[in-house]
Amino acid sequence: MSYDYQQTHENILKSARKHFKRNGFRNASIRTICKDAGVTNGAFYAHFSSKEELFGCIVRPCIEGLLNLYSSEKEQFFDIKCSEDIIEAFKKSYSSYEKAISYICGHKEEFLLLLDSGEGSGYECFLNTLINEETENTLKFLTVSKKFISKKENISENIARLGASFLIMTIFNGLRNDQTADEIVKETSVVSEYCIAGYRHTLGI
């Protein structure tokens, strides 16, 4: 790959980050991105097939990295032999969010683009994807733990989704509010305690 090709690629990405942040995905134009990058529209299409691909090139690696980190942390909490194991598993699972928070804060610019500028792109449902993933994992965990839960009738997707939404929105609202990773970890810890208390009461653990 030639230096000129690589430099043009980087110039387009740099310009795109600025214009997506300023105008959002929907309103950012390829023409303006190219003008600011000092390249022609023809040069743009030698690097990206569309504005969607350009946006994805910026945000997709961070999404994949977070989902891979998230998935690798969850399976270790499924060895349940009594009701107290359920509570301990919740505590360990929630404490593992510290790694995810560190990752998210380390890629703050990209995640803020997803949150605040992704409308109209194929990534606008990013938060729902995370909430769905957490909901699915929680339901799977509760199913494995079912024989140690006294109020089995209260196990539901809605209960799992409420907890998932609370945790995930706490993290990303903290990012939007320019909190540090340590501040978000502290706040998420409080929310985790709240969720665990709710599961104890609702499910009879």
N, C-alpha and C. Protein backbone atom coordinates (compact mmCIF):
# COMPACT_ATOMS: atom_id res chain seq x y z
N MET A 1 0.84 -1.19 0.00
CA MET A 1 0.00 0.00 0.00
C MET A 1 0.89 1.25 0.00
N SER A 2 0.65 2.16 -0.93
CA SER A 2 1.50 3.34 -1.04
C SER A 2 1.22 4.34 0.08
N TYR A 3 2.22 5.18 0.31
CA TYR A 3 2.05 6.23 1.33
C TYR A 3 0.89 7.15 0.98
N ASP A 4 0.79 7.55 -0.31
CA ASP A 4 -0.27 8.47 -0.72
C ASP A 4 -1.65 7.88 -0.47
N TYR A 5 -1.80 6.58 -0.77
CA TYR A 5 -3.09 5.92 -0.54
C TYR A 5 -3.42 5.93 0.94
N GLN A 6 -2.46 5.55 1.77
CA GLN A 6 -2.68 5.51 3.21
C GLN A 6 -2.97 6.89 3.78
N GLN A 7 -2.25 7.89 3.30
CA GLN A 7 -2.46 9.25 3.79
C GLN A 7 -3.84 9.77 3.41
N THR A 8 -4.25 9.49 2.18
CA THR A 8 -5.60 9.88 1.75
C THR A 8 -6.66 9.21 2.60
N HIS A 9 -6.46 7.91 2.87
CA HIS A 9 -7.39 7.15 3.70
C HIS A 9 -7.52 7.80 5.07
N GLU A 10 -6.40 8.12 5.67
CA GLU A 10 -6.39 8.73 7.01
C GLU A 10 -7.01 10.12 7.00
N ASN A 11 -6.77 10.88 5.92
CA ASN A 11 -7.35 12.21 5.82
C ASN A 11 -8.88 12.14 5.74
N ILE A 12 -9.39 11.19 5.00
CA ILE A 12 -10.84 11.01 4.88
C ILE A 12 -11.43 10.64 6.24
N LEU A 13 -10.79 9.71 6.93
CA LEU A 13 -11.29 9.28 8.24
C LEU A 13 -11.28 10.45 9.24
N LYS A 14 -10.21 11.22 9.22
CA LYS A 14 -10.12 12.37 10.14
C LYS A 14 -11.22 13.38 9.86
N SER A 15 -11.43 13.67 8.59
CA SER A 15 -12.48 14.61 8.22
C SER A 15 -13.86 14.05 8.57
N ALA A 16 -14.05 12.77 8.33
CA ALA A 16 -15.34 12.14 8.60
C ALA A 16 -15.68 12.20 10.09
N ARG A 17 -14.71 11.92 10.93
CA ARG A 17 -14.96 11.98 12.38
C ARG A 17 -15.49 13.37 12.76
N LYS A 18 -14.86 14.40 12.22
CA LYS A 18 -15.26 15.77 12.54
C LYS A 18 -16.67 16.08 12.06
N HIS A 19 -16.97 15.68 10.83
CA HIS A 19 -18.28 16.03 10.27
C HIS A 19 -19.40 15.15 10.81
N PHE A 20 -19.10 13.89 11.11
CA PHE A 20 -20.12 13.06 11.75
C PHE A 20 -20.45 13.60 13.14
N LYS A 21 -19.43 14.01 13.86
CA LYS A 21 -19.64 14.57 15.20
C LYS A 21 -20.44 15.86 15.13
N ARG A 22 -20.13 16.70 14.17
CA ARG A 22 -20.77 18.01 14.07
C ARG A 22 -22.19 17.91 13.52
N ASN A 23 -22.39 17.08 12.51
CA ASN A 23 -23.67 17.07 11.79
C ASN A 23 -24.48 15.79 11.94
N GLY A 24 -23.87 14.75 12.52
CA GLY A 24 -24.55 13.46 12.59
C GLY A 24 -24.40 12.71 11.28
N PHE A 25 -24.59 11.40 11.33
CA PHE A 25 -24.42 10.58 10.12
C PHE A 25 -25.37 11.02 9.02
N ARG A 26 -26.62 11.25 9.38
CA ARG A 26 -27.65 11.54 8.38
C ARG A 26 -27.34 12.81 7.59
N ASN A 27 -26.84 13.84 8.28
CA ASN A 27 -26.65 15.14 7.63
C ASN A 27 -25.24 15.39 7.11
N ALA A 28 -24.30 14.56 7.51
CA ALA A 28 -22.94 14.72 6.99
C ALA A 28 -22.92 14.31 5.51
N SER A 29 -22.24 15.10 4.68
CA SER A 29 -22.22 14.78 3.25
C SER A 29 -20.83 14.33 2.82
N ILE A 30 -20.81 13.40 1.88
CA ILE A 30 -19.54 12.93 1.33
C ILE A 30 -18.79 14.08 0.68
N ARG A 31 -19.51 14.95 0.01
CA ARG A 31 -18.88 16.08 -0.67
C ARG A 31 -18.12 16.96 0.33
N THR A 32 -18.76 17.27 1.46
CA THR A 32 -18.14 18.13 2.47
C THR A 32 -16.96 17.42 3.14
N ILE A 33 -17.13 16.14 3.41
CA ILE A 33 -16.05 15.35 4.02
C ILE A 33 -14.84 15.35 3.08
N CYS A 34 -15.08 15.16 1.80
CA CYS A 34 -13.99 15.12 0.82
C CYS A 34 -13.31 16.49 0.70
N LYS A 35 -14.12 17.54 0.66
CA LYS A 35 -13.57 18.89 0.53
C LYS A 35 -12.65 19.20 1.71
N ASP A 36 -13.10 18.85 2.91
CA ASP A 36 -12.30 19.12 4.10
C ASP A 36 -11.05 18.24 4.16
N ALA A 37 -11.14 17.05 3.57
CA ALA A 37 -9.99 16.14 3.55
C ALA A 37 -9.02 16.47 2.43
N GLY A 38 -9.43 17.35 1.52
CA GLY A 38 -8.56 17.73 0.41
C GLY A 38 -8.48 16.66 -0.67
N VAL A 39 -9.58 15.91 -0.85
CA VAL A 39 -9.60 14.86 -1.87
C VAL A 39 -10.85 15.03 -2.74
N THR A 40 -10.84 14.39 -3.89
CA THR A 40 -12.00 14.43 -4.78
C THR A 40 -13.00 13.35 -4.38
N ASN A 41 -14.23 13.51 -4.87
CA ASN A 41 -15.24 12.48 -4.63
C ASN A 41 -14.81 11.15 -5.25
N GLY A 42 -14.14 11.23 -6.38
CA GLY A 42 -13.65 10.01 -7.02
C GLY A 42 -12.64 9.30 -6.15
N ALA A 43 -11.77 10.07 -5.51
CA ALA A 43 -10.77 9.47 -4.62
C ALA A 43 -11.47 8.80 -3.43
N PHE A 44 -12.55 9.41 -2.96
CA PHE A 44 -13.31 8.83 -1.84
C PHE A 44 -13.74 7.41 -2.18
N TYR A 45 -14.29 7.23 -3.37
CA TYR A 45 -14.86 5.93 -3.75
C TYR A 45 -13.77 4.89 -4.07
N ALA A 46 -12.53 5.33 -4.11
CA ALA A 46 -11.44 4.36 -4.20
C ALA A 46 -11.13 3.75 -2.83
N HIS A 47 -11.69 4.37 -1.78
CA HIS A 47 -11.45 3.92 -0.40
C HIS A 47 -12.70 3.35 0.26
N PHE A 48 -13.85 3.95 -0.02
CA PHE A 48 -15.09 3.54 0.65
C PHE A 48 -16.21 3.47 -0.39
N SER A 49 -17.06 2.48 -0.25
CA SER A 49 -18.15 2.33 -1.22
C SER A 49 -19.32 3.26 -0.91
N SER A 50 -19.39 3.75 0.32
CA SER A 50 -20.53 4.57 0.72
C SER A 50 -20.22 5.29 2.03
N LYS A 51 -21.11 6.21 2.39
CA LYS A 51 -20.99 6.89 3.67
C LYS A 51 -21.18 5.90 4.82
N GLU A 52 -22.06 4.93 4.61
CA GLU A 52 -22.30 3.88 5.61
C GLU A 52 -21.02 3.09 5.89
N GLU A 53 -20.31 2.73 4.86
CA GLU A 53 -19.07 1.98 5.05
C GLU A 53 -18.03 2.84 5.78
N LEU A 54 -17.99 4.11 5.44
CA LEU A 54 -17.06 5.03 6.10
C LEU A 54 -17.36 5.11 7.60
N PHE A 55 -18.62 5.29 7.94
CA PHE A 55 -19.00 5.36 9.36
C PHE A 55 -18.66 4.04 10.07
N GLY A 56 -18.95 2.94 9.40
CA GLY A 56 -18.65 1.63 9.97
C GLY A 56 -17.17 1.41 10.20
N CYS A 57 -16.36 1.93 9.30
CA CYS A 57 -14.92 1.79 9.44
C CYS A 57 -14.42 2.46 10.72
N ILE A 58 -15.12 3.51 11.14
CA ILE A 58 -14.74 4.23 12.35
C ILE A 58 -15.25 3.52 13.61
N VAL A 59 -16.51 3.06 13.59
CA VAL A 59 -17.13 2.58 14.83
C VAL A 59 -17.16 1.06 14.99
N ARG A 60 -17.16 0.33 13.86
CA ARG A 60 -17.35 -1.13 13.95
C ARG A 60 -16.27 -1.84 14.77
N PRO A 61 -14.99 -1.49 14.62
CA PRO A 61 -13.97 -2.20 15.43
C PRO A 61 -14.22 -2.09 16.93
N CYS A 62 -14.71 -0.94 17.38
CA CYS A 62 -14.98 -0.76 18.81
C CYS A 62 -16.19 -1.58 19.26
N ILE A 63 -17.20 -1.65 18.41
CA ILE A 63 -18.37 -2.47 18.75
C ILE A 63 -17.96 -3.93 18.88
N GLU A 64 -17.21 -4.42 17.90
CA GLU A 64 -16.79 -5.82 17.91
C GLU A 64 -15.90 -6.10 19.11
N GLY A 65 -15.00 -5.17 19.43
CA GLY A 65 -14.13 -5.35 20.58
C GLY A 65 -14.90 -5.43 21.87
N LEU A 66 -15.92 -4.57 22.02
CA LEU A 66 -16.73 -4.57 23.24
C LEU A 66 -17.56 -5.84 23.35
N LEU A 67 -18.18 -6.26 22.25
CA LEU A 67 -19.00 -7.48 22.28
C LEU A 67 -18.16 -8.71 22.56
N ASN A 68 -16.95 -8.77 22.01
CA ASN A 68 -16.06 -9.89 22.29
C ASN A 68 -15.64 -9.92 23.75
N LEU A 69 -15.33 -8.75 24.29
CA LEU A 69 -14.97 -8.65 25.70
C LEU A 69 -16.14 -9.04 26.58
N TYR A 70 -17.30 -8.57 26.22
CA TYR A 70 -18.52 -8.83 26.98
C TYR A 70 -18.84 -10.32 27.01
N SER A 71 -18.79 -10.96 25.85
CA SER A 71 -19.13 -12.38 25.75
C SER A 71 -18.14 -13.25 26.51
N SER A 72 -16.88 -12.89 26.47
CA SER A 72 -15.85 -13.70 27.12
C SER A 72 -15.97 -13.67 28.64
N GLU A 73 -16.64 -12.64 29.17
CA GLU A 73 -16.75 -12.50 30.62
C GLU A 73 -17.94 -13.26 31.20
N LYS A 74 -18.93 -13.59 30.39
CA LYS A 74 -20.20 -14.03 30.95
C LYS A 74 -20.29 -15.52 31.30
N GLU A 75 -19.72 -16.37 30.47
CA GLU A 75 -19.92 -17.80 30.65
C GLU A 75 -19.34 -18.34 31.96
N GLN A 76 -18.39 -17.62 32.54
CA GLN A 76 -17.73 -18.12 33.75
C GLN A 76 -18.63 -18.07 34.98
N PHE A 77 -19.81 -17.46 34.89
CA PHE A 77 -20.65 -17.27 36.07
C PHE A 77 -21.82 -18.26 36.14
N PHE A 78 -21.76 -19.35 35.37
CA PHE A 78 -22.92 -20.22 35.25
C PHE A 78 -22.84 -21.49 36.10
N ASP A 79 -21.87 -21.60 36.98
CA ASP A 79 -21.74 -22.79 37.83
C ASP A 79 -22.50 -22.56 39.13
N ILE A 80 -23.77 -22.95 39.16
CA ILE A 80 -24.66 -22.65 40.28
C ILE A 80 -25.05 -23.93 41.02
N LYS A 81 -24.78 -23.94 42.33
CA LYS A 81 -25.09 -25.13 43.14
C LYS A 81 -26.04 -24.84 44.29
N CYS A 82 -26.32 -23.55 44.55
CA CYS A 82 -27.26 -23.18 45.61
C CYS A 82 -27.70 -21.73 45.36
N SER A 83 -28.67 -21.27 46.15
CA SER A 83 -29.23 -19.93 45.93
C SER A 83 -28.20 -18.82 46.16
N GLU A 84 -27.30 -19.02 47.12
CA GLU A 84 -26.29 -17.99 47.37
C GLU A 84 -25.30 -17.88 46.21
N ASP A 85 -25.11 -18.99 45.48
CA ASP A 85 -24.26 -18.93 44.29
C ASP A 85 -24.83 -17.97 43.25
N ILE A 86 -26.16 -17.86 43.22
CA ILE A 86 -26.80 -16.95 42.26
C ILE A 86 -26.41 -15.51 42.57
N ILE A 87 -26.51 -15.15 43.85
CA ILE A 87 -26.16 -13.79 44.25
C ILE A 87 -24.68 -13.52 44.01
N GLU A 88 -23.84 -14.46 44.35
CA GLU A 88 -22.40 -14.28 44.13
C GLU A 88 -22.09 -14.15 42.65
N ALA A 89 -22.80 -14.92 41.83
CA ALA A 89 -22.58 -14.84 40.38
C ALA A 89 -22.99 -13.47 39.85
N PHE A 90 -24.12 -12.94 40.34
CA PHE A 90 -24.53 -11.59 39.95
C PHE A 90 -23.46 -10.58 40.33
N LYS A 91 -22.94 -10.70 41.56
CA LYS A 91 -21.93 -9.75 42.03
C LYS A 91 -20.67 -9.81 41.15
N LYS A 92 -20.22 -11.03 40.85
CA LYS A 92 -19.02 -11.18 40.03
C LYS A 92 -19.27 -10.69 38.60
N SER A 93 -20.45 -10.99 38.09
CA SER A 93 -20.79 -10.55 36.74
C SER A 93 -20.80 -9.03 36.65
N TYR A 94 -21.42 -8.39 37.61
CA TYR A 94 -21.49 -6.94 37.59
C TYR A 94 -20.12 -6.31 37.81
N SER A 95 -19.29 -6.93 38.65
CA SER A 95 -17.95 -6.38 38.87
C SER A 95 -17.10 -6.48 37.61
N SER A 96 -17.43 -7.44 36.74
CA SER A 96 -16.67 -7.59 35.49
C SER A 96 -16.93 -6.43 34.53
N TYR A 97 -17.96 -5.63 34.80
CA TYR A 97 -18.23 -4.47 33.95
C TYR A 97 -17.09 -3.47 33.99
N GLU A 98 -16.24 -3.56 34.99
CA GLU A 98 -15.12 -2.63 35.10
C GLU A 98 -14.23 -2.70 33.85
N LYS A 99 -14.02 -3.91 33.32
CA LYS A 99 -13.21 -4.05 32.10
C LYS A 99 -13.90 -3.40 30.91
N ALA A 100 -15.22 -3.61 30.82
CA ALA A 100 -15.98 -3.02 29.71
C ALA A 100 -15.96 -1.50 29.80
N ILE A 101 -16.11 -0.97 31.01
CA ILE A 101 -16.11 0.48 31.20
C ILE A 101 -14.76 1.07 30.81
N SER A 102 -13.68 0.40 31.20
CA SER A 102 -12.34 0.84 30.83
C SER A 102 -12.18 0.87 29.31
N TYR A 103 -12.70 -0.18 28.65
CA TYR A 103 -12.62 -0.26 27.19
C TYR A 103 -13.43 0.87 26.54
N ILE A 104 -14.63 1.07 27.03
CA ILE A 104 -15.51 2.10 26.46
C ILE A 104 -14.88 3.49 26.62
N CYS A 105 -14.36 3.77 27.81
CA CYS A 105 -13.74 5.08 28.06
C CYS A 105 -12.46 5.25 27.24
N GLY A 106 -11.79 4.15 26.95
CA GLY A 106 -10.59 4.19 26.12
C GLY A 106 -10.89 4.44 24.66
N HIS A 107 -12.16 4.27 24.28
CA HIS A 107 -12.59 4.54 22.89
C HIS A 107 -13.77 5.51 22.93
N LYS A 108 -13.62 6.52 23.75
CA LYS A 108 -14.72 7.45 24.02
C LYS A 108 -15.25 8.12 22.75
N GLU A 109 -14.36 8.60 21.90
CA GLU A 109 -14.78 9.33 20.70
C GLU A 109 -15.67 8.47 19.81
N GLU A 110 -15.28 7.22 19.62
CA GLU A 110 -16.04 6.33 18.75
C GLU A 110 -17.41 6.01 19.35
N PHE A 111 -17.45 5.76 20.66
CA PHE A 111 -18.73 5.41 21.29
C PHE A 111 -19.66 6.62 21.36
N LEU A 112 -19.12 7.81 21.51
CA LEU A 112 -19.97 9.00 21.47
C LEU A 112 -20.52 9.23 20.07
N LEU A 113 -19.73 8.90 19.05
CA LEU A 113 -20.26 8.98 17.68
C LEU A 113 -21.45 8.03 17.52
N LEU A 114 -21.31 6.83 18.06
CA LEU A 114 -22.40 5.85 18.00
C LEU A 114 -23.65 6.37 18.71
N LEU A 115 -23.45 6.93 19.89
CA LEU A 115 -24.57 7.36 20.72
C LEU A 115 -25.25 8.60 20.16
N ASP A 116 -24.46 9.57 19.73
CA ASP A 116 -25.00 10.89 19.41
C ASP A 116 -25.07 11.22 17.93
N SER A 117 -24.39 10.43 17.10
CA SER A 117 -24.32 10.78 15.68
C SER A 117 -24.73 9.65 14.74
N GLY A 118 -25.14 8.52 15.30
CA GLY A 118 -25.39 7.34 14.47
C GLY A 118 -26.76 7.23 13.86
N GLU A 119 -27.67 8.15 14.20
CA GLU A 119 -29.03 8.06 13.66
C GLU A 119 -29.02 8.07 12.14
N GLY A 120 -29.74 7.12 11.55
CA GLY A 120 -29.79 7.01 10.09
C GLY A 120 -28.80 6.01 9.54
N SER A 121 -27.86 5.58 10.38
CA SER A 121 -26.89 4.56 9.95
C SER A 121 -27.36 3.18 10.39
N GLY A 122 -26.63 2.16 9.95
CA GLY A 122 -26.95 0.80 10.36
C GLY A 122 -26.56 0.51 11.79
N TYR A 123 -26.02 1.51 12.48
CA TYR A 123 -25.55 1.33 13.86
C TYR A 123 -26.39 2.10 14.87
N GLU A 124 -27.51 2.64 14.43
CA GLU A 124 -28.30 3.49 15.32
C GLU A 124 -28.96 2.70 16.45
N CYS A 125 -29.04 1.38 16.32
CA CYS A 125 -29.63 0.54 17.37
C CYS A 125 -28.56 -0.09 18.26
N PHE A 126 -27.39 0.52 18.29
CA PHE A 126 -26.26 -0.02 19.05
C PHE A 126 -26.61 -0.32 20.50
N LEU A 127 -27.23 0.63 21.21
CA LEU A 127 -27.55 0.41 22.62
C LEU A 127 -28.56 -0.72 22.78
N ASN A 128 -29.52 -0.79 21.90
CA ASN A 128 -30.49 -1.90 21.97
C ASN A 128 -29.81 -3.24 21.76
N THR A 129 -28.79 -3.28 20.91
CA THR A 129 -28.04 -4.51 20.70
C THR A 129 -27.37 -4.95 21.99
N LEU A 130 -26.77 -4.02 22.70
CA LEU A 130 -26.12 -4.34 23.98
C LEU A 130 -27.14 -4.78 25.02
N ILE A 131 -28.26 -4.07 25.08
CA ILE A 131 -29.30 -4.42 26.05
C ILE A 131 -29.87 -5.80 25.74
N ASN A 132 -30.07 -6.09 24.45
CA ASN A 132 -30.56 -7.42 24.06
C ASN A 132 -29.58 -8.52 24.47
N GLU A 133 -28.28 -8.23 24.30
CA GLU A 133 -27.24 -9.20 24.65
C GLU A 133 -27.26 -9.47 26.16
N GLU A 134 -27.34 -8.41 26.95
CA GLU A 134 -27.37 -8.55 28.40
C GLU A 134 -28.65 -9.25 28.85
N THR A 135 -29.78 -8.91 28.22
CA THR A 135 -31.06 -9.55 28.56
C THR A 135 -31.00 -11.05 28.28
N GLU A 136 -30.47 -11.41 27.12
CA GLU A 136 -30.36 -12.82 26.74
C GLU A 136 -29.46 -13.58 27.72
N ASN A 137 -28.34 -12.98 28.08
CA ASN A 137 -27.43 -13.64 29.02
C ASN A 137 -28.07 -13.80 30.40
N THR A 138 -28.80 -12.77 30.84
CA THR A 138 -29.46 -12.84 32.15
C THR A 138 -30.53 -13.93 32.17
N LEU A 139 -31.32 -14.01 31.10
CA LEU A 139 -32.35 -15.05 31.02
C LEU A 139 -31.73 -16.44 31.00
N LYS A 140 -30.64 -16.59 30.27
CA LYS A 140 -29.93 -17.86 30.22
C LYS A 140 -29.43 -18.24 31.61
N PHE A 141 -28.87 -17.28 32.32
CA PHE A 141 -28.37 -17.50 33.68
C PHE A 141 -29.50 -17.89 34.62
N LEU A 142 -30.62 -17.18 34.55
CA LEU A 142 -31.75 -17.47 35.43
C LEU A 142 -32.35 -18.83 35.13
N THR A 143 -32.33 -19.24 33.88
CA THR A 143 -32.84 -20.57 33.51
C THR A 143 -31.95 -21.66 34.11
N VAL A 144 -30.64 -21.48 34.03
CA VAL A 144 -29.70 -22.42 34.62
C VAL A 144 -29.90 -22.50 36.14
N SER A 145 -30.26 -21.37 36.75
CA SER A 145 -30.37 -21.26 38.20
C SER A 145 -31.79 -21.54 38.71
N LYS A 146 -32.69 -21.90 37.84
CA LYS A 146 -34.12 -21.94 38.15
C LYS A 146 -34.48 -22.79 39.36
N LYS A 147 -33.81 -23.92 39.53
CA LYS A 147 -34.20 -24.81 40.63
C LYS A 147 -33.87 -24.24 42.00
N PHE A 148 -33.06 -23.18 42.04
CA PHE A 148 -32.72 -22.54 43.32
C PHE A 148 -33.49 -21.23 43.52
N ILE A 149 -34.44 -20.95 42.64
CA ILE A 149 -35.25 -19.74 42.71
C ILE A 149 -36.65 -20.11 43.17
N SER A 150 -37.13 -19.48 44.25
CA SER A 150 -38.43 -19.87 44.81
C SER A 150 -39.62 -19.26 44.07
N LYS A 151 -39.42 -18.09 43.47
CA LYS A 151 -40.51 -17.45 42.73
C LYS A 151 -40.24 -17.56 41.23
N LYS A 152 -40.26 -18.81 40.75
CA LYS A 152 -39.92 -19.07 39.35
C LYS A 152 -40.86 -18.36 38.38
N GLU A 153 -42.10 -18.15 38.84
CA GLU A 153 -43.10 -17.53 37.97
C GLU A 153 -42.74 -16.09 37.61
N ASN A 154 -41.81 -15.49 38.37
CA ASN A 154 -41.43 -14.10 38.10
C ASN A 154 -40.25 -13.97 37.13
N ILE A 155 -39.69 -15.10 36.73
CA ILE A 155 -38.63 -15.04 35.73
C ILE A 155 -39.25 -14.63 34.39
N SER A 156 -38.78 -13.53 33.83
CA SER A 156 -39.36 -13.07 32.56
C SER A 156 -38.35 -12.23 31.80
N GLU A 157 -38.59 -12.11 30.52
CA GLU A 157 -37.72 -11.27 29.69
C GLU A 157 -37.81 -9.82 30.14
N ASN A 158 -39.01 -9.39 30.57
CA ASN A 158 -39.18 -8.00 30.98
C ASN A 158 -38.33 -7.67 32.21
N ILE A 159 -38.30 -8.57 33.19
CA ILE A 159 -37.50 -8.36 34.39
C ILE A 159 -36.01 -8.28 34.01
N ALA A 160 -35.57 -9.20 33.17
CA ALA A 160 -34.17 -9.22 32.75
C ALA A 160 -33.82 -7.96 31.97
N ARG A 161 -34.75 -7.48 31.14
CA ARG A 161 -34.48 -6.29 30.32
C ARG A 161 -34.40 -5.02 31.16
N LEU A 162 -35.22 -4.95 32.21
CA LEU A 162 -35.17 -3.77 33.08
C LEU A 162 -33.80 -3.64 33.73
N GLY A 163 -33.29 -4.76 34.26
CA GLY A 163 -31.97 -4.73 34.87
C GLY A 163 -30.88 -4.40 33.87
N ALA A 164 -30.97 -5.00 32.69
CA ALA A 164 -29.98 -4.76 31.64
C ALA A 164 -29.97 -3.30 31.21
N SER A 165 -31.15 -2.74 31.02
CA SER A 165 -31.26 -1.34 30.57
C SER A 165 -30.69 -0.40 31.63
N PHE A 166 -31.00 -0.66 32.88
CA PHE A 166 -30.53 0.18 33.97
C PHE A 166 -29.00 0.24 33.99
N LEU A 167 -28.37 -0.92 33.91
CA LEU A 167 -26.91 -0.99 33.97
C LEU A 167 -26.25 -0.32 32.75
N ILE A 168 -26.71 -0.69 31.58
CA ILE A 168 -26.06 -0.21 30.36
C ILE A 168 -26.27 1.29 30.17
N MET A 169 -27.46 1.78 30.48
CA MET A 169 -27.71 3.22 30.36
C MET A 169 -26.90 4.01 31.38
N THR A 170 -26.66 3.42 32.56
CA THR A 170 -25.81 4.09 33.55
C THR A 170 -24.40 4.31 32.99
N ILE A 171 -23.87 3.29 32.34
CA ILE A 171 -22.52 3.39 31.76
C ILE A 171 -22.46 4.46 30.68
N PHE A 172 -23.39 4.40 29.73
CA PHE A 172 -23.29 5.31 28.59
C PHE A 172 -23.77 6.72 28.91
N ASN A 173 -24.67 6.87 29.88
CA ASN A 173 -25.00 8.22 30.34
C ASN A 173 -23.79 8.86 31.03
N GLY A 174 -23.04 8.04 31.76
CA GLY A 174 -21.81 8.53 32.38
C GLY A 174 -20.81 9.00 31.34
N LEU A 175 -20.70 8.24 30.25
CA LEU A 175 -19.79 8.63 29.16
C LEU A 175 -20.23 9.95 28.55
N ARG A 176 -21.52 10.09 28.31
CA ARG A 176 -22.06 11.33 27.75
C ARG A 176 -21.84 12.52 28.68
N ASN A 177 -21.88 12.25 29.98
CA ASN A 177 -21.72 13.32 30.96
C ASN A 177 -20.26 13.58 31.31
N ASP A 178 -19.36 12.98 30.52
CA ASP A 178 -17.92 13.22 30.67
C ASP A 178 -17.37 12.75 32.01
N GLN A 179 -17.98 11.70 32.57
CA GLN A 179 -17.45 11.12 33.80
C GLN A 179 -16.21 10.29 33.48
N THR A 180 -15.33 10.15 34.45
CA THR A 180 -14.15 9.31 34.29
C THR A 180 -14.56 7.85 34.41
N ALA A 181 -13.66 6.96 34.01
CA ALA A 181 -13.93 5.52 34.14
C ALA A 181 -14.18 5.16 35.60
N ASP A 182 -13.40 5.72 36.52
CA ASP A 182 -13.58 5.43 37.94
C ASP A 182 -14.94 5.89 38.45
N GLU A 183 -15.38 7.04 37.98
CA GLU A 183 -16.69 7.56 38.39
C GLU A 183 -17.82 6.69 37.86
N ILE A 184 -17.67 6.22 36.62
CA ILE A 184 -18.70 5.36 36.04
C ILE A 184 -18.72 4.00 36.75
N VAL A 185 -17.54 3.47 37.07
CA VAL A 185 -17.47 2.20 37.81
C VAL A 185 -18.18 2.33 39.15
N LYS A 186 -17.94 3.42 39.86
CA LYS A 186 -18.56 3.64 41.16
C LYS A 186 -20.08 3.71 41.04
N GLU A 187 -20.56 4.44 40.05
CA GLU A 187 -22.00 4.59 39.87
C GLU A 187 -22.63 3.26 39.44
N THR A 188 -21.95 2.54 38.58
CA THR A 188 -22.45 1.25 38.13
C THR A 188 -22.50 0.25 39.28
N SER A 189 -21.56 0.35 40.20
CA SER A 189 -21.55 -0.51 41.37
C SER A 189 -22.80 -0.30 42.23
N VAL A 190 -23.20 0.96 42.39
CA VAL A 190 -24.41 1.27 43.15
C VAL A 190 -25.64 0.70 42.45
N VAL A 191 -25.70 0.88 41.14
CA VAL A 191 -26.82 0.35 40.36
C VAL A 191 -26.86 -1.17 40.44
N SER A 192 -25.69 -1.80 40.43
CA SER A 192 -25.62 -3.26 40.53
C SER A 192 -26.21 -3.75 41.85
N GLU A 193 -25.88 -3.07 42.94
CA GLU A 193 -26.42 -3.44 44.24
C GLU A 193 -27.94 -3.31 44.24
N TYR A 194 -28.42 -2.27 43.59
CA TYR A 194 -29.86 -2.05 43.48
C TYR A 194 -30.52 -3.19 42.70
N CYS A 195 -29.90 -3.58 41.60
CA CYS A 195 -30.44 -4.67 40.77
C CYS A 195 -30.44 -5.99 41.52
N ILE A 196 -29.35 -6.27 42.24
CA ILE A 196 -29.25 -7.53 42.99
C ILE A 196 -30.34 -7.60 44.06
N ALA A 197 -30.55 -6.48 44.76
CA ALA A 197 -31.60 -6.44 45.78
C ALA A 197 -32.96 -6.68 45.13
N GLY A 198 -33.16 -6.12 43.96
CA GLY A 198 -34.43 -6.32 43.25
C GLY A 198 -34.62 -7.77 42.84
N TYR A 199 -33.57 -8.41 42.34
CA TYR A 199 -33.67 -9.82 41.96
C TYR A 199 -33.94 -10.69 43.19
N ARG A 200 -33.29 -10.40 44.30
CA ARG A 200 -33.51 -11.15 45.53
C ARG A 200 -35.00 -11.14 45.91
N HIS A 201 -35.57 -9.95 45.90
CA HIS A 201 -36.97 -9.79 46.31
C HIS A 201 -37.94 -10.39 45.28
N THR A 202 -37.71 -10.05 44.03
CA THR A 202 -38.66 -10.45 42.98
C THR A 202 -38.64 -11.95 42.72
N LEU A 203 -37.45 -12.54 42.76
CA LEU A 203 -37.33 -13.96 42.43
C LEU A 203 -37.28 -14.87 43.67
N GLY A 204 -37.20 -14.28 44.85
CA GLY A 204 -37.16 -15.09 46.06
C GLY A 204 -35.88 -15.90 46.17
N ILE A 205 -34.76 -15.23 46.04
CA ILE A 205 -33.46 -15.91 46.11
C ILE A 205 -32.93 -15.83 47.54
